Amino acid sequence: MSSSEKTNGYALFPLLVFVGVFLASGIYLGNFYLLKVPVALLLGIVTAFIIFRQNSVRKNLDNFIKGCSNPNILIMCMIALFSGAFAVVTSSIGATNTFVQITENYLSLQYLYAGVFLIASFLSFASGTSVGAITTLAPIIAGFTRIEGVNVELIAASLLGGAMFGDNLSFISDTTIAATQSQGCEMKDKFRVNVKIALPAMLISVIILVCIGISLHQPDAINASSPSPISWITILPYIFVIVLATFGVNVFVTFLLGTFISGLIGILQGSLDWLSFTSKIYDGFAQMNEIFLVFLFTGGLAYMIDKEGGINFLTKKIMQFVDTKLKAKIGIGFLVGIIDAAIANNTVAIVITAPVAKRISEQFGIEAKQTSSILDIISCVVQGIIPYGAQILFLIKLLDIDINYPLMISYAYYIWLLLLFTIVYFLFFYKKEEEVS
């Protein structure tokens, strides 16, 4: 997304309309997803066309389309379609039910939440993408939510937290690449800073999840006395997809092959034929139409706001309050957080913030590895909690069950601990490390 030279605070008003309507309806209705996100976004887009009426309708439309066609936005749209197809086809052959049966037969629910967190952490770290980890694991976790006694919001938050942990630390994550390359920082140096913050947050999160699991559930497996028969072959697509994602295979290739294998298993078992297989693929595409529209509309609205000077306005306002090294760090974190909340894409937020962050860092003598860590961590925290971000939208859509969003976010212990440890580390410990070195 290109930056404009304009500086215009009013350009942010369409965003405020979208966020205000979305949050107000969620609070009033008691459910943040009864009012569909694309409709709330549409109100913001209409507001943008009205406020930016000094441009021709054609010019505003061109800017909107340019934002929609941003490669990052279109990639997310394609991931939505492919992951939807994979989720529906695997569910139709009974794969989700198989995972439920495995859990009921062999696994104590006491360790389910911590287990989901750790698996998501590993997969997102290995693959470098939180969205990929969520879209891969959510169809599996959807089966666990049907088990009696499972806390739906807690298990969803466990998956979310684990996905954000791995993405934040991964060497191949696009956010890591953007944060380090834009600041002229070696990845290993940024990793050493990040791991001191993220690892303690992760370990404490696991302990909390284990303790909660023990307090909520009995130690025995659910059906230990009368185990259900298990069709092991139906989970082969999940294993295949997880292995490919772990080895960094392209996400589109991964989901395409996983969907094909699922369909082949269904045809061999007799639960699908070729025609019903293709119908299930289309059902998966259709299931993701809301997320598809959210990505397109968000990209278009964000570009319009940027072209009219909204992002520059935020940048310059924050720069007015930066006069010490500590305030500089806070300003960088605040700026990338606000921009991420505005455009719901942490990679793009880092790219937009990076030039300003580098300028501030050089002016106040902040090391590049510090700046890179702040950019990556704060954008990760914000991206993990905004209800219209890709991670939560995918999570709620693929779990396919009513989720109390505020409650789920309150259970996202890793994300809150990550924010707390970041503040504590940069306020107290990093200064001591600099003095020692």
Protein backbone atom coordinates (compact mmCIF):
# COMPACT_ATOMS: atom_id res chain seq x y z
CA MET A 1 0.00 0.00 0.00
CA SER A 2 1.56 3.21 -1.05
CA SER A 3 1.81 6.11 1.32
CA SER A 4 0.47 9.49 0.43
CA GLU A 5 2.17 12.80 1.22
CA LYS A 6 -1.15 14.18 2.52
CA THR A 7 -1.79 14.59 6.24
CA ASN A 8 -5.47 14.44 7.07
CA GLY A 9 -6.99 13.34 10.36
CA TYR A 10 -10.49 13.30 8.87
CA ALA A 11 -9.36 10.48 6.58
CA LEU A 12 -9.54 8.16 9.60
CA PHE A 13 -13.27 8.80 10.13
CA PRO A 14 -14.44 5.96 7.80
CA LEU A 15 -12.36 3.56 9.87
CA LEU A 16 -13.90 4.89 13.08
CA VAL A 17 -17.37 4.37 11.56
CA PHE A 18 -16.57 0.73 10.75
CA VAL A 19 -14.99 -0.05 14.12
CA GLY A 20 -17.63 1.92 16.03
CA VAL A 21 -20.57 0.23 14.32
CA PHE A 22 -18.98 -3.20 14.64
CA LEU A 23 -18.15 -2.86 18.33
CA ALA A 24 -21.39 -1.07 19.27
CA SER A 25 -23.55 -3.72 17.60
CA GLY A 26 -21.57 -6.48 19.28
CA ILE A 27 -21.99 -4.93 22.71
CA TYR A 28 -25.69 -4.17 22.17
CA LEU A 29 -26.58 -7.55 20.69
CA GLY A 30 -24.30 -9.54 22.99
CA ASN A 31 -22.64 -11.19 19.99
CA PHE A 32 -19.96 -9.56 17.83
CA TYR A 33 -20.84 -11.59 14.75
CA LEU A 34 -24.61 -11.16 14.44
CA LEU A 35 -23.97 -8.03 12.38
CA LYS A 36 -21.87 -9.37 9.55
CA VAL A 37 -18.43 -7.78 9.29
CA PRO A 38 -18.68 -7.02 5.54
CA VAL A 39 -21.83 -4.95 6.20
CA ALA A 40 -20.06 -2.91 8.90
CA LEU A 41 -17.14 -2.46 6.52
CA LEU A 42 -19.52 -1.39 3.76
CA LEU A 43 -20.76 1.43 5.99
CA GLY A 44 -17.17 2.57 6.44
CA ILE A 45 -16.56 2.39 2.69
CA VAL A 46 -19.68 4.43 1.91
CA THR A 47 -18.54 6.97 4.51
CA ALA A 48 -15.14 7.14 2.78
CA PHE A 49 -16.75 7.87 -0.59
CA ILE A 50 -18.77 10.67 1.01
CA ILE A 51 -15.88 12.23 2.95
CA PHE A 52 -13.48 11.97 0.00
CA ARG A 53 -16.07 13.44 -2.40
CA GLN A 54 -13.56 16.08 -3.52
CA ASN A 55 -12.21 13.23 -5.62
CA SER A 56 -14.41 11.96 -8.40
CA VAL A 57 -16.38 8.79 -7.77
CA ARG A 58 -14.17 7.17 -10.39
CA LYS A 59 -10.96 8.19 -8.57
CA ASN A 60 -12.27 6.88 -5.23
CA LEU A 61 -13.36 3.67 -6.91
CA ASP A 62 -9.92 3.27 -8.51
CA ASN A 63 -8.23 3.69 -5.11
CA PHE A 64 -10.62 1.21 -3.54
CA ILE A 65 -9.96 -1.38 -6.27
CA LYS A 66 -6.18 -0.87 -5.95
CA GLY A 67 -6.44 -1.68 -2.25
CA CYS A 68 -8.57 -4.74 -2.93
CA SER A 69 -6.04 -6.00 -5.48
CA ASN A 70 -3.05 -5.72 -3.13
CA PRO A 71 -1.15 -9.04 -3.43
CA ASN A 72 -1.27 -9.64 0.34
CA ILE A 73 -5.05 -9.22 0.30
CA LEU A 74 -5.56 -11.54 -2.67
CA ILE A 75 -3.32 -14.18 -1.11
CA MET A 76 -5.47 -14.12 2.01
CA CYS A 77 -8.60 -14.45 -0.13
CA MET A 78 -7.18 -17.51 -1.88
CA ILE A 79 -6.14 -19.07 1.43
CA ALA A 80 -9.72 -18.59 2.60
CA LEU A 81 -11.14 -20.44 -0.40
CA PHE A 82 -8.66 -23.33 -0.29
CA SER A 83 -8.89 -23.82 3.47
CA GLY A 84 -12.69 -23.75 3.27
CA ALA A 85 -12.67 -26.50 0.66
CA PHE A 86 -10.27 -28.61 2.73
CA ALA A 87 -12.35 -28.17 5.91
CA VAL A 88 -15.65 -29.16 4.28
CA VAL A 89 -14.29 -32.16 2.35
CA THR A 90 -12.39 -33.60 5.33
CA SER A 91 -15.44 -33.15 7.54
CA SER A 92 -17.64 -34.92 4.99
CA ILE A 93 -15.48 -38.07 5.08
CA GLY A 94 -15.68 -38.21 8.90
CA ALA A 95 -12.18 -36.93 9.73
CA THR A 96 -13.43 -34.51 12.37
CA ASN A 97 -15.44 -37.22 14.10
CA THR A 98 -12.39 -39.49 14.07
CA PHE A 99 -10.34 -36.94 15.99
CA VAL A 100 -13.17 -36.62 18.50
CA GLN A 101 -13.18 -40.39 18.97
CA ILE A 102 -9.39 -40.47 19.42
CA THR A 103 -9.62 -37.77 22.05
CA GLU A 104 -12.48 -39.49 23.84
CA ASN A 105 -10.72 -42.87 23.81
CA TYR A 106 -7.16 -41.99 24.71
CA LEU A 107 -6.68 -38.39 25.84
CA SER A 108 -7.48 -36.83 29.17
CA LEU A 109 -9.25 -33.52 28.68
CA GLN A 110 -7.05 -32.14 31.44
CA TYR A 111 -4.24 -31.67 28.93
CA LEU A 112 -6.32 -30.87 25.84
CA TYR A 113 -5.99 -27.07 26.05
CA ALA A 114 -2.23 -27.11 26.66
CA GLY A 115 -1.82 -29.72 23.92
CA VAL A 116 -3.67 -27.59 21.38
CA PHE A 117 -1.53 -24.60 22.33
CA LEU A 118 1.74 -26.51 21.92
CA ILE A 119 0.77 -28.12 18.61
CA ALA A 120 -0.29 -24.75 17.20
CA SER A 121 2.96 -23.21 18.47
CA PHE A 122 5.07 -25.83 16.74
CA LEU A 123 3.15 -25.71 13.46
CA SER A 124 3.14 -21.91 13.20
CA PHE A 125 6.84 -21.73 14.09
CA ALA A 126 7.71 -24.35 11.50
CA SER A 127 5.49 -22.91 8.77
CA GLY A 128 5.95 -19.21 9.61
CA THR A 129 2.27 -18.37 9.48
CA SER A 130 -0.35 -18.02 12.20
CA VAL A 131 -3.15 -18.04 9.63
CA GLY A 132 -1.78 -21.26 8.13
CA ALA A 133 -1.64 -22.91 11.55
CA ILE A 134 -5.19 -21.85 12.37
CA THR A 135 -6.65 -22.92 9.03
CA THR A 136 -4.83 -26.26 9.29
CA LEU A 137 -5.78 -27.06 12.89
CA ALA A 138 -9.18 -25.39 13.30
CA PRO A 139 -11.09 -28.11 11.41
CA ILE A 140 -9.54 -30.64 13.80
CA ILE A 141 -10.26 -28.54 16.89
CA ALA A 142 -13.84 -28.14 15.66
CA GLY A 143 -14.36 -31.78 16.55
CA PHE A 144 -13.08 -31.27 20.09
CA THR A 145 -15.59 -28.48 20.68
CA ARG A 146 -18.38 -31.06 20.37
CA ILE A 147 -17.08 -33.09 23.30
CA GLU A 148 -19.22 -32.64 26.38
CA GLY A 149 -17.61 -30.40 28.99
CA VAL A 150 -15.01 -28.81 26.71
CA ASN A 151 -14.73 -25.04 27.18
CA VAL A 152 -15.17 -23.75 23.63
CA GLU A 153 -13.74 -20.28 24.24
CA LEU A 154 -10.72 -21.67 26.08
CA ILE A 155 -9.79 -24.19 23.41
CA ALA A 156 -10.25 -21.52 20.70
CA ALA A 157 -8.01 -19.14 22.66
CA SER A 158 -5.42 -21.91 23.07
CA LEU A 159 -5.26 -22.37 19.31
CA LEU A 160 -5.09 -18.61 18.75
CA GLY A 161 -2.32 -18.09 21.30
CA GLY A 162 -0.22 -20.97 20.01
CA ALA A 163 -0.54 -19.75 16.43
CA MET A 164 0.59 -16.25 17.39
CA PHE A 165 3.53 -17.59 19.44
CA GLY A 166 5.04 -19.55 16.57
CA ASP A 167 4.44 -16.83 14.01
CA ASN A 168 6.15 -14.22 16.19
CA LEU A 169 9.33 -16.29 16.59
CA SER A 170 9.57 -18.05 13.24
CA PHE A 171 12.51 -17.21 10.98
CA ILE A 172 10.37 -17.61 7.86
CA SER A 173 7.40 -15.55 9.03
CA ASP A 174 6.59 -12.63 6.75
CA THR A 175 6.30 -10.37 9.80
CA THR A 176 9.79 -11.36 10.95
CA ILE A 177 11.20 -10.77 7.48
CA ALA A 178 9.48 -7.38 7.21
CA ALA A 179 10.56 -6.27 10.70
CA THR A 180 14.21 -7.29 10.34
CA GLN A 181 14.85 -6.31 6.74
CA SER A 182 13.24 -2.89 7.14
CA GLN A 183 15.45 -2.09 10.16
CA GLY A 184 18.69 -3.62 8.83
CA CYS A 185 18.70 -6.27 11.55
CA GLU A 186 19.93 -9.86 11.49
CA MET A 187 17.13 -12.37 12.10
CA LYS A 188 19.15 -14.19 14.73
CA ASP A 189 19.62 -10.96 16.73
CA LYS A 190 15.92 -10.19 16.65
CA PHE A 191 15.17 -13.81 17.62
CA ARG A 192 17.42 -13.57 20.67
CA VAL A 193 15.48 -10.54 21.90
CA ASN A 194 12.09 -12.04 21.07
CA VAL A 195 12.75 -15.40 22.70
CA LYS A 196 13.54 -13.74 26.03
CA ILE A 197 10.06 -12.24 25.95
CA ALA A 198 7.98 -14.87 24.20
CA LEU A 199 9.39 -18.03 25.81
CA PRO A 200 8.54 -17.09 29.44
CA ALA A 201 5.07 -16.02 28.28
CA MET A 202 4.63 -19.35 26.51
CA LEU A 203 5.78 -21.46 29.48
CA ILE A 204 3.50 -19.63 31.90
CA SER A 205 0.62 -19.99 29.43
CA VAL A 206 1.13 -23.76 29.27
CA ILE A 207 1.17 -24.00 33.07
CA ILE A 208 -2.04 -21.96 33.28
CA LEU A 209 -3.76 -24.10 30.65
CA VAL A 210 -2.73 -27.33 32.39
CA CYS A 211 -3.99 -26.02 35.73
CA ILE A 212 -7.30 -24.95 34.24
CA GLY A 213 -7.65 -28.30 32.46
CA ILE A 214 -7.06 -30.19 35.70
CA SER A 215 -9.62 -28.01 37.51
CA LEU A 216 -12.27 -28.50 34.80
CA HIS A 217 -11.95 -32.19 33.92
CA GLN A 218 -11.40 -35.64 35.37
CA PRO A 219 -8.05 -37.37 34.67
CA ASP A 220 -9.46 -40.36 32.78
CA ALA A 221 -10.08 -40.44 29.07
CA ILE A 222 -13.75 -39.88 28.32
CA ASN A 223 -14.50 -43.33 26.89
CA ALA A 224 -11.69 -45.27 28.55
CA SER A 225 -14.07 -48.06 29.62
CA SER A 226 -15.86 -48.45 26.27
CA PRO A 227 -13.69 -47.01 23.47
CA SER A 228 -15.35 -46.21 20.15
CA PRO A 229 -14.12 -47.82 16.91
CA ILE A 230 -11.82 -45.50 14.98
CA SER A 231 -11.43 -45.12 11.21
CA TRP A 232 -7.76 -44.16 11.21
CA ILE A 233 -7.49 -43.58 7.47
CA THR A 234 -9.80 -40.54 7.63
CA ILE A 235 -7.21 -38.52 9.58
CA LEU A 236 -4.56 -39.07 6.90
CA PRO A 237 -5.39 -35.73 5.17
CA TYR A 238 -4.81 -33.82 8.43
CA ILE A 239 -1.48 -35.54 9.02
CA PHE A 240 -0.47 -34.93 5.41
CA VAL A 241 -1.32 -31.22 5.59
CA ILE A 242 0.46 -30.75 8.92
CA VAL A 243 3.60 -32.45 7.60
CA LEU A 244 3.63 -30.35 4.43
CA ALA A 245 3.06 -27.15 6.40
CA THR A 246 5.86 -28.09 8.79
CA PHE A 247 8.28 -28.47 5.88
CA GLY A 248 7.27 -25.11 4.45
CA VAL A 249 5.39 -26.33 1.38
CA ASN A 250 3.34 -23.58 -0.26
CA VAL A 251 0.02 -23.21 1.56
CA PHE A 252 -2.01 -23.45 -1.66
CA VAL A 253 -0.28 -26.65 -2.71
CA THR A 254 -0.74 -28.02 0.80
CA PHE A 255 -4.48 -27.43 0.92
CA LEU A 256 -5.02 -28.51 -2.69
CA LEU A 257 -3.27 -31.86 -2.14
CA GLY A 258 -4.97 -32.30 1.24
CA THR A 259 -8.38 -31.72 -0.33
CA PHE A 260 -7.64 -34.16 -3.16
CA ILE A 261 -6.49 -36.88 -0.73
CA SER A 262 -9.61 -36.33 1.40
CA GLY A 263 -11.82 -36.70 -1.65
CA LEU A 264 -9.99 -39.83 -2.80
CA ILE A 265 -10.44 -41.43 0.64
CA GLY A 266 -14.12 -40.53 0.61
CA ILE A 267 -14.60 -42.03 -2.86
CA LEU A 268 -12.79 -45.26 -1.89
CA GLN A 269 -14.87 -45.52 1.29
CA GLY A 270 -18.11 -44.83 -0.55
CA SER A 271 -19.00 -41.69 1.43
CA LEU A 272 -18.41 -39.53 -1.66
CA ASP A 273 -18.53 -39.87 -5.43
CA TRP A 274 -16.76 -37.60 -7.89
CA LEU A 275 -19.77 -35.31 -8.33
CA SER A 276 -20.43 -34.94 -4.59
CA PHE A 277 -16.69 -34.36 -4.07
CA THR A 278 -16.75 -31.38 -6.41
CA SER A 279 -19.92 -30.13 -4.73
CA LYS A 280 -18.21 -30.25 -1.33
CA ILE A 281 -15.29 -28.25 -2.71
CA TYR A 282 -17.71 -25.57 -3.87
CA ASP A 283 -19.52 -25.69 -0.51
CA GLY A 284 -16.15 -24.95 1.10
CA PHE A 285 -15.64 -21.97 -1.19
CA ALA A 286 -19.13 -20.67 -0.41
CA GLN A 287 -18.60 -21.13 3.33
CA MET A 288 -15.74 -18.62 3.22
CA ASN A 289 -17.54 -15.87 1.30
CA GLU A 290 -17.84 -13.63 4.37
CA ILE A 291 -14.11 -13.74 5.11
CA PHE A 292 -13.37 -13.27 1.41
CA LEU A 293 -15.40 -10.05 1.40
CA VAL A 294 -13.83 -8.86 4.67
CA PHE A 295 -10.34 -9.14 3.21
CA LEU A 296 -11.28 -7.33 0.01
CA PHE A 297 -13.21 -4.55 1.74
CA THR A 298 -10.53 -4.04 4.40
CA GLY A 299 -7.80 -3.78 1.77
CA GLY A 300 -9.79 -1.27 -0.27
CA LEU A 301 -10.79 0.90 2.71
CA ALA A 302 -7.25 0.91 4.15
CA TYR A 303 -5.79 2.03 0.83
CA MET A 304 -8.32 4.86 0.52
CA ILE A 305 -7.50 6.07 4.03
CA ASP A 306 -3.77 5.90 3.33
CA LYS A 307 -4.08 7.82 0.04
CA GLU A 308 -5.99 10.60 1.79
CA GLY A 309 -3.31 11.02 4.49
CA GLY A 310 -4.83 9.16 7.43
CA ILE A 311 -1.72 7.08 8.12
CA ASN A 312 0.57 10.11 7.81
CA PHE A 313 -1.63 11.97 10.28
CA LEU A 314 -1.18 9.20 12.86
CA THR A 315 2.56 9.14 12.27
CA LYS A 316 3.08 12.86 12.71
CA LYS A 317 0.87 13.07 15.79
CA ILE A 318 2.86 10.34 17.53
CA MET A 319 6.16 11.99 16.56
CA GLN A 320 5.12 15.13 18.47
CA PHE A 321 5.23 13.23 21.77
CA VAL A 322 8.56 11.46 21.23
CA ASP A 323 11.40 13.23 23.04
CA THR A 324 13.16 10.47 25.03
CA LYS A 325 14.41 6.97 24.27
CA LEU A 326 11.65 5.37 26.33
CA LYS A 327 8.95 7.45 24.67
CA ALA A 328 10.47 6.56 21.31
CA LYS A 329 10.00 2.84 22.01
CA ILE A 330 6.46 3.47 23.22
CA GLY A 331 5.76 5.61 20.15
CA ILE A 332 6.97 2.90 17.75
CA GLY A 333 4.83 0.29 19.49
CA PHE A 334 1.80 2.56 19.60
CA LEU A 335 2.15 3.51 15.94
CA VAL A 336 2.40 -0.04 14.60
CA GLY A 337 -0.44 -1.11 16.90
CA ILE A 338 -2.77 1.66 15.75
CA ILE A 339 -1.99 1.05 12.09
CA ASP A 340 -2.54 -2.68 12.50
CA ALA A 341 -5.90 -1.99 14.16
CA ALA A 342 -6.71 0.25 11.19
CA ILE A 343 -5.83 -2.16 8.38
CA ALA A 344 -6.05 -5.58 10.13
CA ASN A 345 -2.83 -6.87 8.56
CA ASN A 346 0.26 -7.01 10.75
CA THR A 347 2.72 -7.49 7.90
CA VAL A 348 1.43 -4.43 6.04
CA ALA A 349 1.31 -2.49 9.33
CA ILE A 350 5.01 -3.23 9.87
CA VAL A 351 5.88 -2.19 6.30
CA ILE A 352 3.98 1.11 6.67
CA THR A 353 5.49 1.84 10.10
CA ALA A 354 9.04 0.72 9.30
CA PRO A 355 10.47 3.94 7.73
CA VAL A 356 9.19 6.08 10.61
CA ALA A 357 10.37 3.52 13.17
CA LYS A 358 13.86 3.46 11.62
CA ARG A 359 14.04 7.26 11.68
CA ILE A 360 13.00 7.38 15.34
CA SER A 361 15.44 4.60 16.26
CA GLU A 362 18.39 6.34 14.63
CA GLN A 363 17.48 9.65 16.26
CA PHE A 364 17.28 8.18 19.78
CA GLY A 365 19.94 5.46 19.51
CA ILE A 366 17.63 2.44 19.68
CA GLU A 367 19.22 -0.76 18.42
CA ALA A 368 17.74 -2.28 15.28
CA LYS A 369 17.03 -5.58 17.03
CA GLN A 370 14.95 -3.75 19.65
CA THR A 371 12.94 -1.89 17.03
CA SER A 372 12.38 -5.08 15.03
CA SER A 373 11.13 -6.89 18.11
CA ILE A 374 8.79 -4.07 19.09
CA LEU A 375 7.33 -3.91 15.59
CA ASP A 376 6.79 -7.66 15.40
CA ILE A 377 5.48 -8.22 18.93
CA ILE A 378 3.07 -5.29 19.18
CA SER A 379 1.58 -5.92 15.74
CA CYS A 380 1.23 -9.59 16.75
CA VAL A 381 -0.62 -8.66 19.95
CA VAL A 382 -3.02 -6.30 18.19
CA GLN A 383 -3.61 -8.70 15.30
CA GLY A 384 -4.40 -11.45 17.77
CA ILE A 385 -7.15 -9.55 19.57
CA ILE A 386 -8.98 -7.44 16.96
CA PRO A 387 -12.26 -9.20 16.10
CA TYR A 388 -11.97 -8.39 12.38
CA GLY A 389 -8.42 -9.72 11.95
CA ALA A 390 -7.76 -12.71 9.70
CA GLN A 391 -6.74 -14.97 12.57
CA ILE A 392 -9.94 -14.60 14.59
CA LEU A 393 -12.19 -14.54 11.53
CA PHE A 394 -10.69 -17.81 10.27
CA LEU A 395 -10.80 -19.32 13.74
CA ILE A 396 -14.48 -18.59 14.36
CA LYS A 397 -15.52 -19.52 10.83
CA LEU A 398 -13.70 -22.85 10.73
CA LEU A 399 -14.70 -23.90 14.25
CA ASP A 400 -18.29 -23.41 13.07
CA ILE A 401 -19.75 -22.90 16.54
CA ASP A 402 -21.02 -19.93 18.53
CA ILE A 403 -18.12 -18.32 20.39
CA ASN A 404 -18.25 -15.53 22.94
CA TYR A 405 -15.56 -13.24 21.51
CA PRO A 406 -14.81 -11.17 24.65
CA LEU A 407 -14.59 -14.33 26.74
CA MET A 408 -12.31 -16.02 24.22
CA ILE A 409 -9.96 -13.03 24.17
CA SER A 410 -9.88 -12.97 27.97
CA TYR A 411 -8.67 -16.60 27.82
CA ALA A 412 -5.89 -15.76 25.32
CA TYR A 413 -3.33 -15.87 28.13
CA TYR A 414 -0.30 -16.03 25.89
CA ILE A 415 -1.17 -12.83 24.02
CA TRP A 416 -1.72 -10.83 27.23
CA LEU A 417 1.40 -12.27 28.85
CA LEU A 418 3.40 -11.45 25.72
CA LEU A 419 2.31 -7.82 25.99
CA LEU A 420 3.11 -7.73 29.72
CA PHE A 421 6.56 -9.31 29.30
CA THR A 422 7.35 -6.94 26.42
CA ILE A 423 6.60 -3.91 28.58
CA VAL A 424 8.55 -5.27 31.54
CA TYR A 425 11.53 -6.32 29.42
CA PHE A 426 12.01 -3.03 27.59
CA LEU A 427 11.33 -0.91 30.68
CA PHE A 428 13.65 -2.74 33.06
CA PHE A 429 15.75 -5.62 31.77
CA TYR A 430 17.01 -4.43 28.39
CA LYS A 431 18.61 -1.34 29.89
CA LYS A 432 20.55 -3.54 32.34
CA GLU A 433 21.70 -5.80 29.49
CA GLU A 434 22.97 -2.75 27.59
CA GLU A 435 24.89 -1.57 30.65
CA VAL A 436 26.48 -5.01 31.15
CA SER A 437 27.51 -5.28 27.50
